Amino acid sequence: MTIPLRCVVDTSVCIKYFISDPLTSKVNQLFDHLANPQTEMFVPDLFYIECANALWKYVRARMYTGAEVQADLATLKAFPLRVVSTADLMADAVAIALNYGISAYDGSM
């Protein structure tokens, strides 16, 4: 029996799906799991705007085009990701941050 994948994906991982990076092949393997309907990938509600901003930075650096960004955003929007409200994460994020000496932002991921 295979255990379905359940994980949290953040922008720094997702962006490697679109922008070539030494870890792109690993990210592609991760996203291949989305073909399995039992896979659950969770993202915080800020995820989509963070991805858009990261891609925008590549356009500003003239390493990417606006058309590529629009195509990538359409692809991203089509992924079956589960959005979690950051409002629902606040209390746990602070508790994790205090426990582990990290930021509340990192504790929410």
PDB file of N, CA and C in Angstrom:
ATOM      1  N   MET A   1       0.838  -1.180   0.000  1.00  0.00           N
ATOM      2  CA  MET A   1       0.000   0.000   0.000  1.00  0.00           C
ATOM      3  C   MET A   1       0.885   1.248   0.000  1.00  0.00           C
ATOM      4  N   THR A   2       0.589   2.174  -0.871  1.00  0.00           N
ATOM      5  CA  THR A   2       1.333   3.420  -0.959  1.00  0.00           C
ATOM      6  C   THR A   2       0.647   4.482  -0.109  1.00  0.00           C
ATOM      7  N   ILE A   3       1.436   5.170   0.678  1.00  0.00           N
ATOM      8  CA  ILE A   3       0.910   6.258   1.500  1.00  0.00           C
ATOM      9  C   ILE A   3       0.857   7.513   0.632  1.00  0.00           C
ATOM     10  N   PRO A   4      -0.303   8.158   0.539  1.00  0.00           N
ATOM     11  CA  PRO A   4      -0.398   9.367  -0.280  1.00  0.00           C
ATOM     12  C   PRO A   4       0.497  10.482   0.266  1.00  0.00           C
ATOM     13  N   LEU A   5       1.030  11.268  -0.639  1.00  0.00           N
ATOM     14  CA  LEU A   5       1.893  12.388  -0.264  1.00  0.00           C
ATOM     15  C   LEU A   5       1.044  13.534   0.280  1.00  0.00           C
ATOM     16  N   ARG A   6       1.463  14.061   1.428  1.00  0.00           N
ATOM     17  CA  ARG A   6       0.861  15.252   2.023  1.00  0.00           C
ATOM     18  C   ARG A   6       2.015  16.164   2.405  1.00  0.00           C
ATOM     19  N   CYS A   7       2.036  17.380   1.853  1.00  0.00           N
ATOM     20  CA  CYS A   7       3.141  18.284   2.163  1.00  0.00           C
ATOM     21  C   CYS A   7       2.717  19.734   1.979  1.00  0.00           C
ATOM     22  N   VAL A   8       3.559  20.611   2.500  1.00  0.00           N
ATOM     23  CA  VAL A   8       3.398  22.049   2.314  1.00  0.00           C
ATOM     24  C   VAL A   8       4.438  22.484   1.296  1.00  0.00           C
ATOM     25  N   VAL A   9       4.010  23.258   0.328  1.00  0.00           N
ATOM     26  CA  VAL A   9       4.910  23.764  -0.703  1.00  0.00           C
ATOM     27  C   VAL A   9       4.966  25.276  -0.563  1.00  0.00           C
ATOM     28  N   ASP A  10       6.168  25.826  -0.582  1.00  0.00           N
ATOM     29  CA  ASP A  10       6.274  27.281  -0.530  1.00  0.00           C
ATOM     30  C   ASP A  10       6.815  27.804  -1.854  1.00  0.00           C
ATOM     31  N   THR A  11       6.846  29.109  -1.970  1.00  0.00           N
ATOM     32  CA  THR A  11       7.243  29.764  -3.212  1.00  0.00           C
ATOM     33  C   THR A  11       8.643  29.382  -3.651  1.00  0.00           C
ATOM     34  N   SER A  12       9.571  29.269  -2.716  1.00  0.00           N
ATOM     35  CA  SER A  12      10.961  28.965  -3.086  1.00  0.00           C
ATOM     36  C   SER A  12      11.079  27.603  -3.760  1.00  0.00           C
ATOM     37  N   VAL A  13      10.173  26.694  -3.452  1.00  0.00           N
ATOM     38  CA  VAL A  13      10.150  25.388  -4.122  1.00  0.00           C
ATOM     39  C   VAL A  13       9.424  25.512  -5.456  1.00  0.00           C
ATOM     40  N   CYS A  14       8.243  26.073  -5.433  1.00  0.00           N
ATOM     41  CA  CYS A  14       7.411  26.130  -6.630  1.00  0.00           C
ATOM     42  C   CYS A  14       8.080  26.867  -7.780  1.00  0.00           C
ATOM     43  N   ILE A  15       8.772  27.929  -7.482  1.00  0.00           N
ATOM     44  CA  ILE A  15       9.365  28.747  -8.536  1.00  0.00           C
ATOM     45  C   ILE A  15      10.363  27.942  -9.369  1.00  0.00           C
ATOM     46  N   LYS A  16      10.959  26.934  -8.758  1.00  0.00           N
ATOM     47  CA  LYS A  16      11.918  26.085  -9.464  1.00  0.00           C
ATOM     48  C   LYS A  16      11.239  25.195 -10.504  1.00  0.00           C
ATOM     49  N   TYR A  17       9.933  25.084 -10.443  1.00  0.00           N
ATOM     50  CA  TYR A  17       9.182  24.364 -11.468  1.00  0.00           C
ATOM     51  C   TYR A  17       9.223  25.150 -12.777  1.00  0.00           C
ATOM     52  N   PHE A  18       9.263  26.467 -12.672  1.00  0.00           N
ATOM     53  CA  PHE A  18       9.201  27.338 -13.836  1.00  0.00           C
ATOM     54  C   PHE A  18      10.557  27.893 -14.255  1.00  0.00           C
ATOM     55  N   ILE A  19      11.417  28.176 -13.305  1.00  0.00           N
ATOM     56  CA  ILE A  19      12.727  28.766 -13.572  1.00  0.00           C
ATOM     57  C   ILE A  19      13.781  27.681 -13.373  1.00  0.00           C
ATOM     58  N   SER A  20      14.586  27.457 -14.378  1.00  0.00           N
ATOM     59  CA  SER A  20      15.600  26.400 -14.310  1.00  0.00           C
ATOM     60  C   SER A  20      16.558  26.624 -13.143  1.00  0.00           C
ATOM     61  N   ASP A  21      16.792  25.561 -12.405  1.00  0.00           N
ATOM     62  CA  ASP A  21      17.597  25.597 -11.188  1.00  0.00           C
ATOM     63  C   ASP A  21      18.180  24.202 -10.997  1.00  0.00           C
ATOM     64  N   PRO A  22      19.284  24.064 -10.261  1.00  0.00           N
ATOM     65  CA  PRO A  22      19.823  22.722 -10.017  1.00  0.00           C
ATOM     66  C   PRO A  22      18.807  21.761  -9.375  1.00  0.00           C
ATOM     67  N   LEU A  23      17.808  22.285  -8.681  1.00  0.00           N
ATOM     68  CA  LEU A  23      16.818  21.426  -8.027  1.00  0.00           C
ATOM     69  C   LEU A  23      15.526  21.254  -8.833  1.00  0.00           C
ATOM     70  N   THR A  24      15.480  21.793 -10.045  1.00  0.00           N
ATOM     71  CA  THR A  24      14.262  21.711 -10.852  1.00  0.00           C
ATOM     72  C   THR A  24      13.800  20.278 -11.062  1.00  0.00           C
ATOM     73  N   SER A  25      14.713  19.355 -11.302  1.00  0.00           N
ATOM     74  CA  SER A  25      14.294  17.961 -11.531  1.00  0.00           C
ATOM     75  C   SER A  25      13.615  17.377 -10.291  1.00  0.00           C
ATOM     76  N   LYS A  26      14.101  17.739  -9.116  1.00  0.00           N
ATOM     77  CA  LYS A  26      13.473  17.269  -7.870  1.00  0.00           C
ATOM     78  C   LYS A  26      12.077  17.881  -7.702  1.00  0.00           C
ATOM     79  N   VAL A  27      11.954  19.156  -8.033  1.00  0.00           N
ATOM     80  CA  VAL A  27      10.655  19.825  -7.939  1.00  0.00           C
ATOM     81  C   VAL A  27       9.674  19.199  -8.933  1.00  0.00           C
ATOM     82  N   ASN A  28      10.153  18.889 -10.136  1.00  0.00           N
ATOM     83  CA  ASN A  28       9.293  18.230 -11.119  1.00  0.00           C
ATOM     84  C   ASN A  28       8.805  16.885 -10.592  1.00  0.00           C
ATOM     85  N   GLN A  29       9.692  16.141  -9.935  1.00  0.00           N
ATOM     86  CA  GLN A  29       9.294  14.858  -9.336  1.00  0.00           C
ATOM     87  C   GLN A  29       8.217  15.077  -8.274  1.00  0.00           C
ATOM     88  N   LEU A  30       8.387  16.112  -7.481  1.00  0.00           N
ATOM     89  CA  LEU A  30       7.397  16.428  -6.453  1.00  0.00           C
ATOM     90  C   LEU A  30       6.043  16.732  -7.086  1.00  0.00           C
ATOM     91  N   PHE A  31       6.038  17.599  -8.092  1.00  0.00           N
ATOM     92  CA  PHE A  31       4.784  17.998  -8.718  1.00  0.00           C
ATOM     93  C   PHE A  31       4.164  16.879  -9.546  1.00  0.00           C
ATOM     94  N   ASP A  32       4.955  15.900  -9.966  1.00  0.00           N
ATOM     95  CA  ASP A  32       4.403  14.724 -10.650  1.00  0.00           C
ATOM     96  C   ASP A  32       3.411  13.983  -9.754  1.00  0.00           C
ATOM     97  N   HIS A  33       3.581  14.109  -8.448  1.00  0.00           N
ATOM     98  CA  HIS A  33       2.664  13.464  -7.499  1.00  0.00           C
ATOM     99  C   HIS A  33       1.246  14.027  -7.599  1.00  0.00           C
ATOM    100  N   LEU A  34       1.100  15.216  -8.180  1.00  0.00           N
ATOM    101  CA  LEU A  34      -0.232  15.810  -8.303  1.00  0.00           C
ATOM    102  C   LEU A  34      -1.133  14.998  -9.230  1.00  0.00           C
ATOM    103  N   ALA A  35      -0.538  14.123 -10.039  1.00  0.00           N
ATOM    104  CA  ALA A  35      -1.337  13.248 -10.899  1.00  0.00           C
ATOM    105  C   ALA A  35      -2.136  12.240 -10.068  1.00  0.00           C
ATOM    106  N   ASN A  36      -1.677  11.983  -8.851  1.00  0.00           N
ATOM    107  CA  ASN A  36      -2.377  11.083  -7.937  1.00  0.00           C
ATOM    108  C   ASN A  36      -3.435  11.901  -7.190  1.00  0.00           C
ATOM    109  N   PRO A  37      -4.713  11.570  -7.358  1.00  0.00           N
ATOM    110  CA  PRO A  37      -5.758  12.364  -6.697  1.00  0.00           C
ATOM    111  C   PRO A  37      -5.701  12.333  -5.167  1.00  0.00           C
ATOM    112  N   GLN A  38      -4.961  11.401  -4.598  1.00  0.00           N
ATOM    113  CA  GLN A  38      -4.844  11.345  -3.141  1.00  0.00           C
ATOM    114  C   GLN A  38      -3.745  12.264  -2.606  1.00  0.00           C
ATOM    115  N   THR A  39      -2.924  12.809  -3.491  1.00  0.00           N
ATOM    116  CA  THR A  39      -1.874  13.738  -3.076  1.00  0.00           C
ATOM    117  C   THR A  39      -2.505  15.023  -2.558  1.00  0.00           C
ATOM    118  N   GLU A  40      -1.966  15.515  -1.455  1.00  0.00           N
ATOM    119  CA  GLU A  40      -2.425  16.785  -0.905  1.00  0.00           C
ATOM    120  C   GLU A  40      -1.221  17.700  -0.731  1.00  0.00           C
ATOM    121  N   MET A  41      -1.193  18.773  -1.518  1.00  0.00           N
ATOM    122  CA  MET A  41      -0.157  19.789  -1.378  1.00  0.00           C
ATOM    123  C   MET A  41      -0.837  21.055  -0.882  1.00  0.00           C
ATOM    124  N   PHE A  42      -0.341  21.535   0.232  1.00  0.00           N
ATOM    125  CA  PHE A  42      -0.922  22.702   0.880  1.00  0.00           C
ATOM    126  C   PHE A  42      -0.046  23.928   0.635  1.00  0.00           C
ATOM    127  N   VAL A  43      -0.694  25.060   0.462  1.00  0.00           N
ATOM    128  CA  VAL A  43       0.017  26.331   0.298  1.00  0.00           C
ATOM    129  C   VAL A  43      -0.685  27.390   1.144  1.00  0.00           C
ATOM    130  N   PRO A  44       0.078  28.338   1.701  1.00  0.00           N
ATOM    131  CA  PRO A  44      -0.560  29.449   2.420  1.00  0.00           C
ATOM    132  C   PRO A  44      -1.212  30.396   1.416  1.00  0.00           C
ATOM    133  N   ASP A  45      -2.185  31.164   1.854  1.00  0.00           N
ATOM    134  CA  ASP A  45      -2.915  32.026   0.932  1.00  0.00           C
ATOM    135  C   ASP A  45      -2.043  33.074   0.242  1.00  0.00           C
ATOM    136  N   LEU A  46      -0.913  33.410   0.809  1.00  0.00           N
ATOM    137  CA  LEU A  46       0.000  34.371   0.165  1.00  0.00           C
ATOM    138  C   LEU A  46       0.829  33.740  -0.952  1.00  0.00           C
ATOM    139  N   PHE A  47       0.774  32.445  -1.079  1.00  0.00           N
ATOM    140  CA  PHE A  47       1.595  31.692  -2.025  1.00  0.00           C
ATOM    141  C   PHE A  47       1.500  32.226  -3.457  1.00  0.00           C
ATOM    142  N   TYR A  48       0.291  32.449  -3.939  1.00  0.00           N
ATOM    143  CA  TYR A  48       0.118  32.833  -5.342  1.00  0.00           C
ATOM    144  C   TYR A  48       0.711  34.206  -5.641  1.00  0.00           C
ATOM    145  N   ILE A  49       0.500  35.169  -4.764  1.00  0.00           N
ATOM    146  CA  ILE A  49       1.066  36.496  -5.007  1.00  0.00           C
ATOM    147  C   ILE A  49       2.579  36.475  -4.823  1.00  0.00           C
ATOM    148  N   GLU A  50       3.080  35.625  -3.918  1.00  0.00           N
ATOM    149  CA  GLU A  50       4.531  35.482  -3.758  1.00  0.00           C
ATOM    150  C   GLU A  50       5.152  34.894  -5.025  1.00  0.00           C
ATOM    151  N   CYS A  51       4.490  33.917  -5.628  1.00  0.00           N
ATOM    152  CA  CYS A  51       4.995  33.336  -6.879  1.00  0.00           C
ATOM    153  C   CYS A  51       4.977  34.378  -7.996  1.00  0.00           C
ATOM    154  N   ALA A  52       3.886  35.129  -8.089  1.00  0.00           N
ATOM    155  CA  ALA A  52       3.798  36.174  -9.107  1.00  0.00           C
ATOM    156  C   ALA A  52       4.914  37.191  -8.926  1.00  0.00           C
ATOM    157  N   ASN A  53       5.192  37.563  -7.694  1.00  0.00           N
ATOM    158  CA  ASN A  53       6.251  38.528  -7.421  1.00  0.00           C
ATOM    159  C   ASN A  53       7.628  37.968  -7.769  1.00  0.00           C
ATOM    160  N   ALA A  54       7.858  36.701  -7.455  1.00  0.00           N
ATOM    161  CA  ALA A  54       9.151  36.084  -7.780  1.00  0.00           C
ATOM    162  C   ALA A  54       9.362  36.063  -9.291  1.00  0.00           C
ATOM    163  N   LEU A  55       8.328  35.712 -10.049  1.00  0.00           N
ATOM    164  CA  LEU A  55       8.452  35.696 -11.510  1.00  0.00           C
ATOM    165  C   LEU A  55       8.644  37.112 -12.054  1.00  0.00           C
ATOM    166  N   TRP A  56       7.957  38.082 -11.466  1.00  0.00           N
ATOM    167  CA  TRP A  56       8.113  39.483 -11.872  1.00  0.00           C
ATOM    168  C   TRP A  56       9.567  39.929 -11.736  1.00  0.00           C
ATOM    169  N   LYS A  57      10.238  39.468 -10.674  1.00  0.00           N
ATOM    170  CA  LYS A  57      11.644  39.835 -10.470  1.00  0.00           C
ATOM    171  C   LYS A  57      12.518  39.337 -11.618  1.00  0.00           C
ATOM    172  N   TYR A  58      12.191  38.183 -12.173  1.00  0.00           N
ATOM    173  CA  TYR A  58      12.944  37.674 -13.323  1.00  0.00           C
ATOM    174  C   TYR A  58      12.699  38.530 -14.560  1.00  0.00           C
ATOM    175  N   VAL A  59      11.486  39.042 -14.711  1.00  0.00           N
ATOM    176  CA  VAL A  59      11.195  39.947 -15.822  1.00  0.00           C
ATOM    177  C   VAL A  59      11.981  41.238 -15.645  1.00  0.00           C
ATOM    178  N   ARG A  60      11.992  41.769 -14.434  1.00  0.00           N
ATOM    179  CA  ARG A  60      12.743  43.004 -14.159  1.00  0.00           C
ATOM    180  C   ARG A  60      14.226  42.839 -14.452  1.00  0.00           C
ATOM    181  N   ALA A  61      14.738  41.631 -14.223  1.00  0.00           N
ATOM    182  CA  ALA A  61      16.151  41.346 -14.482  1.00  0.00           C
ATOM    183  C   ALA A  61      16.395  40.970 -15.948  1.00  0.00           C
ATOM    184  N   ARG A  62      15.349  41.042 -16.759  1.00  0.00           N
ATOM    185  CA  ARG A  62      15.414  40.709 -18.187  1.00  0.00           C
ATOM    186  C   ARG A  62      15.849  39.261 -18.435  1.00  0.00           C
ATOM    187  N   MET A  63      15.442  38.384 -17.526  1.00  0.00           N
ATOM    188  CA  MET A  63      15.752  36.960 -17.652  1.00  0.00           C
ATOM    189  C   MET A  63      14.512  36.163 -18.057  1.00  0.00           C
ATOM    190  N   TYR A  64      13.384  36.862 -18.206  1.00  0.00           N
ATOM    191  CA  TYR A  64      12.107  36.214 -18.438  1.00  0.00           C
ATOM    192  C   TYR A  64      11.197  37.236 -19.088  1.00  0.00           C
ATOM    193  N   THR A  65      10.176  36.784 -19.798  1.00  0.00           N
ATOM    194  CA  THR A  65       9.259  37.729 -20.441  1.00  0.00           C
ATOM    195  C   THR A  65       7.914  37.759 -19.717  1.00  0.00           C
ATOM    196  N   GLY A  66       7.202  38.840 -19.933  1.00  0.00           N
ATOM    197  CA  GLY A  66       5.868  38.951 -19.362  1.00  0.00           C
ATOM    198  C   GLY A  66       4.949  37.844 -19.858  1.00  0.00           C
ATOM    199  N   ALA A  67       5.092  37.468 -21.125  1.00  0.00           N
ATOM    200  CA  ALA A  67       4.269  36.386 -21.682  1.00  0.00           C
ATOM    201  C   ALA A  67       4.567  35.063 -20.981  1.00  0.00           C
ATOM    202  N   GLU A  68       5.832  34.818 -20.676  1.00  0.00           N
ATOM    203  CA  GLU A  68       6.192  33.590 -19.949  1.00  0.00           C
ATOM    204  C   GLU A  68       5.575  33.590 -18.554  1.00  0.00           C
ATOM    205  N   VAL A  69       5.598  34.748 -17.910  1.00  0.00           N
ATOM    206  CA  VAL A  69       5.003  34.856 -16.576  1.00  0.00           C
ATOM    207  C   VAL A  69       3.513  34.540 -16.641  1.00  0.00           C
ATOM    208  N   GLN A  70       2.816  35.131 -17.597  1.00  0.00           N
ATOM    209  CA  GLN A  70       1.371  34.890 -17.705  1.00  0.00           C
ATOM    210  C   GLN A  70       1.070  33.409 -17.939  1.00  0.00           C
ATOM    211  N   ALA A  71       1.856  32.764 -18.798  1.00  0.00           N
ATOM    212  CA  ALA A  71       1.664  31.330 -19.057  1.00  0.00           C
ATOM    213  C   ALA A  71       1.933  30.515 -17.796  1.00  0.00           C
ATOM    214  N   ASP A  72       2.996  30.865 -17.083  1.00  0.00           N
ATOM    215  CA  ASP A  72       3.339  30.136 -15.857  1.00  0.00           C
ATOM    216  C   ASP A  72       2.282  30.323 -14.775  1.00  0.00           C
ATOM    217  N   LEU A  73       1.744  31.526 -14.671  1.00  0.00           N
ATOM    218  CA  LEU A  73       0.705  31.772 -13.670  1.00  0.00           C
ATOM    219  C   LEU A  73      -0.559  30.969 -13.982  1.00  0.00           C
ATOM    220  N   ALA A  74      -0.876  30.827 -15.264  1.00  0.00           N
ATOM    221  CA  ALA A  74      -2.032  30.006 -15.647  1.00  0.00           C
ATOM    222  C   ALA A  74      -1.791  28.545 -15.277  1.00  0.00           C
ATOM    223  N   THR A  75      -0.572  28.067 -15.515  1.00  0.00           N
ATOM    224  CA  THR A  75      -0.216  26.695 -15.135  1.00  0.00           C
ATOM    225  C   THR A  75      -0.320  26.529 -13.628  1.00  0.00           C
ATOM    226  N   LEU A  76       0.241  27.482 -12.899  1.00  0.00           N
ATOM    227  CA  LEU A  76       0.221  27.432 -11.439  1.00  0.00           C
ATOM    228  C   LEU A  76      -1.211  27.399 -10.905  1.00  0.00           C
ATOM    229  N   LYS A  77      -2.054  28.237 -11.476  1.00  0.00           N
ATOM    230  CA  LYS A  77      -3.444  28.307 -11.024  1.00  0.00           C
ATOM    231  C   LYS A  77      -4.183  26.988 -11.257  1.00  0.00           C
ATOM    232  N   ALA A  78      -3.754  26.230 -12.259  1.00  0.00           N
ATOM    233  CA  ALA A  78      -4.410  24.959 -12.589  1.00  0.00           C
ATOM    234  C   ALA A  78      -3.990  23.811 -11.670  1.00  0.00           C
ATOM    235  N   PHE A  79      -2.881  23.971 -10.953  1.00  0.00           N
ATOM    236  CA  PHE A  79      -2.446  22.907 -10.039  1.00  0.00           C
ATOM    237  C   PHE A  79      -3.500  22.717  -8.938  1.00  0.00           C
ATOM    238  N   PRO A  80      -3.791  21.475  -8.576  1.00  0.00           N
ATOM    239  CA  PRO A  80      -4.770  21.228  -7.511  1.00  0.00           C
ATOM    240  C   PRO A  80      -4.155  21.376  -6.116  1.00  0.00           C
ATOM    241  N   LEU A  81      -3.811  22.598  -5.765  1.00  0.00           N
ATOM    242  CA  LEU A  81      -3.198  22.885  -4.468  1.00  0.00           C
ATOM    243  C   LEU A  81      -4.284  23.271  -3.468  1.00  0.00           C
ATOM    244  N   ARG A  82      -4.053  22.953  -2.217  1.00  0.00           N
ATOM    245  CA  ARG A  82      -5.020  23.282  -1.161  1.00  0.00           C
ATOM    246  C   ARG A  82      -4.534  24.526  -0.420  1.00  0.00           C
ATOM    247  N   VAL A  83      -5.314  25.571  -0.517  1.00  0.00           N
ATOM    248  CA  VAL A  83      -4.948  26.853   0.086  1.00  0.00           C
ATOM    249  C   VAL A  83      -5.413  26.887   1.540  1.00  0.00           C
ATOM    250  N   VAL A  84      -4.483  27.273   2.414  1.00  0.00           N
ATOM    251  CA  VAL A  84      -4.770  27.400   3.837  1.00  0.00           C
ATOM    252  C   VAL A  84      -4.674  28.877   4.205  1.00  0.00           C
ATOM    253  N   SER A  85      -5.693  29.378   4.852  1.00  0.00           N
ATOM    254  CA  SER A  85      -5.693  30.776   5.272  1.00  0.00           C
ATOM    255  C   SER A  85      -4.614  31.001   6.329  1.00  0.00           C
ATOM    256  N   THR A  86      -3.828  32.042   6.139  1.00  0.00           N
ATOM    257  CA  THR A  86      -2.810  32.356   7.142  1.00  0.00           C
ATOM    258  C   THR A  86      -3.452  32.786   8.461  1.00  0.00           C
ATOM    259  N   ALA A  87      -4.694  33.261   8.408  1.00  0.00           N
ATOM    260  CA  ALA A  87      -5.397  33.611   9.649  1.00  0.00           C
ATOM    261  C   ALA A  87      -5.572  32.371  10.523  1.00  0.00           C
ATOM    262  N   ASP A  88      -5.750  31.225   9.876  1.00  0.00           N
ATOM    263  CA  ASP A  88      -5.906  29.970  10.619  1.00  0.00           C
ATOM    264  C   ASP A  88      -4.582  29.458  11.175  1.00  0.00           C
ATOM    265  N   LEU A  89      -3.478  30.000  10.688  1.00  0.00           N
ATOM    266  CA  LEU A  89      -2.154  29.523  11.088  1.00  0.00           C
ATOM    267  C   LEU A  89      -1.495  30.380  12.163  1.00  0.00           C
ATOM    268  N   MET A  90      -2.025  31.562  12.424  1.00  0.00           N
ATOM    269  CA  MET A  90      -1.337  32.537  13.281  1.00  0.00           C
ATOM    270  C   MET A  90      -0.915  31.990  14.637  1.00  0.00           C
ATOM    271  N   ALA A  91      -1.838  31.454  15.384  1.00  0.00           N
ATOM    272  CA  ALA A  91      -1.524  31.008  16.748  1.00  0.00           C
ATOM    273  C   ALA A  91      -0.491  29.885  16.739  1.00  0.00           C
ATOM    274  N   ASP A  92      -0.687  28.905  15.856  1.00  0.00           N
ATOM    275  CA  ASP A  92       0.279  27.803  15.766  1.00  0.00           C
ATOM    276  C   ASP A  92       1.642  28.301  15.289  1.00  0.00           C
ATOM    277  N   ALA A  93       1.646  29.243  14.344  1.00  0.00           N
ATOM    278  CA  ALA A  93       2.907  29.765  13.815  1.00  0.00           C
ATOM    279  C   ALA A  93       3.727  30.438  14.910  1.00  0.00           C
ATOM    280  N   VAL A  94       3.072  31.204  15.755  1.00  0.00           N
ATOM    281  CA  VAL A  94       3.782  31.871  16.855  1.00  0.00           C
ATOM    282  C   VAL A  94       4.290  30.842  17.861  1.00  0.00           C
ATOM    283  N   ALA A  95       3.476  29.852  18.184  1.00  0.00           N
ATOM    284  CA  ALA A  95       3.903  28.806  19.126  1.00  0.00           C
ATOM    285  C   ALA A  95       5.117  28.055  18.583  1.00  0.00           C
ATOM    286  N   ILE A  96       5.083  27.703  17.312  1.00  0.00           N
ATOM    287  CA  ILE A  96       6.220  27.006  16.691  1.00  0.00           C
ATOM    288  C   ILE A  96       7.445  27.909  16.689  1.00  0.00           C
ATOM    289  N   ALA A  97       7.248  29.176  16.351  1.00  0.00           N
ATOM    290  CA  ALA A  97       8.360  30.133  16.315  1.00  0.00           C
ATOM    291  C   ALA A  97       9.017  30.262  17.682  1.00  0.00           C
ATOM    292  N   LEU A  98       8.209  30.376  18.712  1.00  0.00           N
ATOM    293  CA  LEU A  98       8.751  30.509  20.065  1.00  0.00           C
ATOM    294  C   LEU A  98       9.462  29.231  20.508  1.00  0.00           C
ATOM    295  N   ASN A  99       8.914  28.096  20.148  1.00  0.00           N
ATOM    296  CA  ASN A  99       9.517  26.804  20.511  1.00  0.00           C
ATOM    297  C   ASN A  99      10.859  26.556  19.839  1.00  0.00           C
ATOM    298  N   TYR A 100      10.967  26.960  18.579  1.00  0.00           N
ATOM    299  CA  TYR A 100      12.147  26.605  17.791  1.00  0.00           C
ATOM    300  C   TYR A 100      13.068  27.782  17.480  1.00  0.00           C
ATOM    301  N   GLY A 101      12.745  28.950  17.998  1.00  0.00           N
ATOM    302  CA  GLY A 101      13.607  30.106  17.768  1.00  0.00           C
ATOM    303  C   GLY A 101      13.656  30.536  16.314  1.00  0.00           C
ATOM    304  N   ILE A 102      12.519  30.432  15.630  1.00  0.00           N
ATOM    305  CA  ILE A 102      12.443  30.849  14.230  1.00  0.00           C
ATOM    306  C   ILE A 102      11.390  31.946  14.119  1.00  0.00           C
ATOM    307  N   SER A 103      11.249  32.503  12.929  1.00  0.00           N
ATOM    308  CA  SER A 103      10.243  33.547  12.740  1.00  0.00           C
ATOM    309  C   SER A 103       8.848  32.927  12.679  1.00  0.00           C
ATOM    310  N   ALA A 104       7.849  33.721  12.998  1.00  0.00           N
ATOM    311  CA  ALA A 104       6.467  33.254  12.887  1.00  0.00           C
ATOM    312  C   ALA A 104       6.146  32.930  11.430  1.00  0.00           C
ATOM    313  N   TYR A 105       6.724  33.684  10.517  1.00  0.00           N
ATOM    314  CA  TYR A 105       6.537  33.407   9.085  1.00  0.00           C
ATOM    315  C   TYR A 105       7.011  31.989   8.760  1.00  0.00           C
ATOM    316  N   ASP A 106       8.221  31.643   9.205  1.00  0.00           N
ATOM    317  CA  ASP A 106       8.741  30.294   8.952  1.00  0.00           C
ATOM    318  C   ASP A 106       7.929  29.244   9.701  1.00  0.00           C
ATOM    319  N   GLY A 107       7.421  29.591  10.855  1.00  0.00           N
ATOM    320  CA  GLY A 107       6.605  28.664  11.625  1.00  0.00           C
ATOM    321  C   GLY A 107       5.272  28.349  10.975  1.00  0.00           C
ATOM    322  N   SER A 108       4.852  29.203  10.060  1.00  0.00           N
ATOM    323  CA  SER A 108       3.573  28.984   9.380  1.00  0.00           C
ATOM    324  C   SER A 108       3.691  28.048   8.193  1.00  0.00           C
ATOM    325  N   MET A 109       4.896  27.750   7.788  1.00  0.00           N
ATOM    326  CA  MET A 109       5.085  26.916   6.586  1.00  0.00           C
ATOM    327  C   MET A 109       5.039  25.454   6.902  1.00  0.00           C
TER     328      MET A 109
END
